[in-house]
């Protein structure tokens, strides 16, 4: 029984490992050059992104919840929808 629990937790950890560098790079982007989160947010007091949550936060949440393939696809689709012709608004990760 203990071996089975150990193998389950180990396999879950190994599955989550590939998303860690991607999540760290999103946080690095947010802390440095993001117009909504980083050092430039003072230039945009009302925010720059027309969606809530911002595209980088949406990508972080999607990859954290669904993994690199599905979450990355959701994040890429969100970035493609962010254009001057979209209305924006509330678009949470489901």
C-alpha atoms as a PDB file:
ATOM      1  CA  UNK A   1       0.000   0.000   0.000  1.00  0.00           C
ATOM      2  CA  UNK A   2       2.794   2.433   0.893  1.00  0.00           C
ATOM      3  CA  UNK A   3       4.655   1.557  -2.308  1.00  0.00           C
ATOM      4  CA  UNK A   4       1.555   2.239  -4.365  1.00  0.00           C
ATOM      5  CA  UNK A   5       1.106   5.687  -2.775  1.00  0.00           C
ATOM      6  CA  UNK A   6       4.777   6.446  -3.316  1.00  0.00           C
ATOM      7  CA  UNK A   7       4.574   5.501  -6.990  1.00  0.00           C
ATOM      8  CA  UNK A   8       1.448   7.605  -7.490  1.00  0.00           C
ATOM      9  CA  UNK A   9       2.974  10.698  -5.923  1.00  0.00           C
ATOM     10  CA  UNK A  10       6.243  10.174  -7.800  1.00  0.00           C
ATOM     11  CA  UNK A  11       4.461   9.822 -11.141  1.00  0.00           C
ATOM     12  CA  UNK A  12       2.406  12.969 -10.481  1.00  0.00           C
ATOM     13  CA  UNK A  13       5.581  14.862  -9.651  1.00  0.00           C
ATOM     14  CA  UNK A  14       7.341  13.652 -12.814  1.00  0.00           C
ATOM     15  CA  UNK A  15       4.372  14.660 -14.945  1.00  0.00           C
ATOM     16  CA  UNK A  16       4.401  18.175 -13.452  1.00  0.00           C
ATOM     17  CA  UNK A  17       8.163  18.699 -13.897  1.00  0.00           C
ATOM     18  CA  UNK A  18       8.184  19.859 -17.555  1.00  0.00           C
ATOM     19  CA  UNK A  19       5.786  22.722 -16.850  1.00  0.00           C
ATOM     20  CA  UNK A  20       7.948  24.231 -14.102  1.00  0.00           C
ATOM     21  CA  UNK A  21      10.490  25.990 -16.401  1.00  0.00           C
ATOM     22  CA  UNK A  22       7.671  27.374 -18.536  1.00  0.00           C
ATOM     23  CA  UNK A  23       5.819  28.704 -15.490  1.00  0.00           C
ATOM     24  CA  UNK A  24       9.037  30.253 -14.166  1.00  0.00           C
ATOM     25  CA  UNK A  25       9.665  31.958 -17.517  1.00  0.00           C
ATOM     26  CA  UNK A  26       6.121  33.406 -17.488  1.00  0.00           C
ATOM     27  CA  UNK A  27       6.737  34.790 -13.993  1.00  0.00           C
ATOM     28  CA  UNK A  28      10.073  36.234 -15.173  1.00  0.00           C
ATOM     29  CA  UNK A  29       8.320  37.920 -18.102  1.00  0.00           C
ATOM     30  CA  UNK A  30       5.675  39.314 -15.752  1.00  0.00           C
ATOM     31  CA  UNK A  31       8.288  40.678 -13.363  1.00  0.00           C
ATOM     32  CA  UNK A  32      10.423  42.345 -16.038  1.00  0.00           C
ATOM     33  CA  UNK A  33       8.901  43.462 -19.344  1.00  0.00           C
ATOM     34  CA  UNK A  34       5.156  42.903 -19.001  1.00  0.00           C
ATOM     35  CA  UNK A  35       3.219  46.154 -19.417  1.00  0.00           C
ATOM     36  CA  UNK A  36       0.612  44.967 -16.901  1.00  0.00           C
ATOM     37  CA  UNK A  37       2.767  43.301 -14.246  1.00  0.00           C
ATOM     38  CA  UNK A  38       6.352  44.437 -14.657  1.00  0.00           C
ATOM     39  CA  UNK A  39       8.383  47.581 -14.418  1.00  0.00           C
ATOM     40  CA  UNK A  40       6.347  49.312 -17.137  1.00  0.00           C
ATOM     41  CA  UNK A  41       2.998  49.108 -15.353  1.00  0.00           C
ATOM     42  CA  UNK A  42       3.448  52.682 -14.125  1.00  0.00           C
ATOM     43  CA  UNK A  43       3.115  53.843 -17.750  1.00  0.00           C
ATOM     44  CA  UNK A  44      -0.281  52.088 -18.013  1.00  0.00           C
ATOM     45  CA  UNK A  45      -2.148  52.884 -14.770  1.00  0.00           C
ATOM     46  CA  UNK A  46      -5.423  51.416 -16.063  1.00  0.00           C
ATOM     47  CA  UNK A  47      -3.773  48.315 -17.485  1.00  0.00           C
ATOM     48  CA  UNK A  48      -2.726  47.429 -20.988  1.00  0.00           C
ATOM     49  CA  UNK A  49      -4.486  44.125 -21.569  1.00  0.00           C
ATOM     50  CA  UNK A  50      -8.119  44.192 -22.632  1.00  0.00           C
ATOM     51  CA  UNK A  51      -8.792  40.780 -21.120  1.00  0.00           C
ATOM     52  CA  UNK A  52      -9.053  39.754 -17.489  1.00  0.00           C
ATOM     53  CA  UNK A  53      -6.946  37.911 -16.430  1.00  0.00           C
ATOM     54  CA  UNK A  54      -4.105  39.207 -18.567  1.00  0.00           C
ATOM     55  CA  UNK A  55      -2.764  36.940 -21.287  1.00  0.00           C
ATOM     56  CA  UNK A  56       0.336  36.008 -19.302  1.00  0.00           C
ATOM     57  CA  UNK A  57      -1.699  35.214 -16.183  1.00  0.00           C
ATOM     58  CA  UNK A  58      -4.162  33.224 -18.300  1.00  0.00           C
ATOM     59  CA  UNK A  59      -1.262  31.261 -19.790  1.00  0.00           C
ATOM     60  CA  UNK A  60       0.196  30.626 -16.352  1.00  0.00           C
ATOM     61  CA  UNK A  61      -3.134  29.372 -14.988  1.00  0.00           C
ATOM     62  CA  UNK A  62      -3.880  27.230 -18.056  1.00  0.00           C
ATOM     63  CA  UNK A  63      -0.464  25.554 -18.087  1.00  0.00           C
ATOM     64  CA  UNK A  64      -0.555  25.031 -14.342  1.00  0.00           C
ATOM     65  CA  UNK A  65      -4.016  23.466 -14.514  1.00  0.00           C
ATOM     66  CA  UNK A  66      -3.916  21.493 -17.782  1.00  0.00           C
ATOM     67  CA  UNK A  67      -0.232  20.923 -18.543  1.00  0.00           C
ATOM     68  CA  UNK A  68       2.029  22.053 -21.343  1.00  0.00           C
ATOM     69  CA  UNK A  69       0.157  20.685 -24.340  1.00  0.00           C
ATOM     70  CA  UNK A  70      -3.454  21.561 -23.531  1.00  0.00           C
ATOM     71  CA  UNK A  71      -2.654  24.626 -21.415  1.00  0.00           C
ATOM     72  CA  UNK A  72      -0.127  25.870 -23.948  1.00  0.00           C
ATOM     73  CA  UNK A  73      -2.712  25.498 -26.704  1.00  0.00           C
ATOM     74  CA  UNK A  74      -5.250  27.454 -24.666  1.00  0.00           C
ATOM     75  CA  UNK A  75      -2.680  30.185 -24.014  1.00  0.00           C
ATOM     76  CA  UNK A  76      -1.714  30.369 -27.698  1.00  0.00           C
ATOM     77  CA  UNK A  77      -5.383  30.630 -28.699  1.00  0.00           C
ATOM     78  CA  UNK A  78      -5.877  33.421 -26.176  1.00  0.00           C
ATOM     79  CA  UNK A  79      -2.884  35.345 -27.526  1.00  0.00           C
ATOM     80  CA  UNK A  80      -4.193  34.963 -31.080  1.00  0.00           C
ATOM     81  CA  UNK A  81      -7.573  36.363 -29.985  1.00  0.00           C
ATOM     82  CA  UNK A  82      -5.943  39.448 -28.479  1.00  0.00           C
ATOM     83  CA  UNK A  83      -6.135  41.890 -31.364  1.00  0.00           C
ATOM     84  CA  UNK A  84      -7.585  45.349 -32.023  1.00  0.00           C
ATOM     85  CA  UNK A  85     -10.856  43.856 -33.290  1.00  0.00           C
ATOM     86  CA  UNK A  86     -11.694  41.796 -30.191  1.00  0.00           C
ATOM     87  CA  UNK A  87     -13.909  43.119 -27.420  1.00  0.00           C
ATOM     88  CA  UNK A  88     -11.880  41.663 -24.555  1.00  0.00           C
ATOM     89  CA  UNK A  89     -13.544  41.254 -21.173  1.00  0.00           C
ATOM     90  CA  UNK A  90     -13.581  38.553 -18.529  1.00  0.00           C
ATOM     91  CA  UNK A  91     -12.147  35.296 -19.886  1.00  0.00           C
ATOM     92  CA  UNK A  92     -11.163  32.941 -17.058  1.00  0.00           C
ATOM     93  CA  UNK A  93      -9.502  29.548 -17.441  1.00  0.00           C
ATOM     94  CA  UNK A  94     -12.307  27.012 -17.178  1.00  0.00           C
END
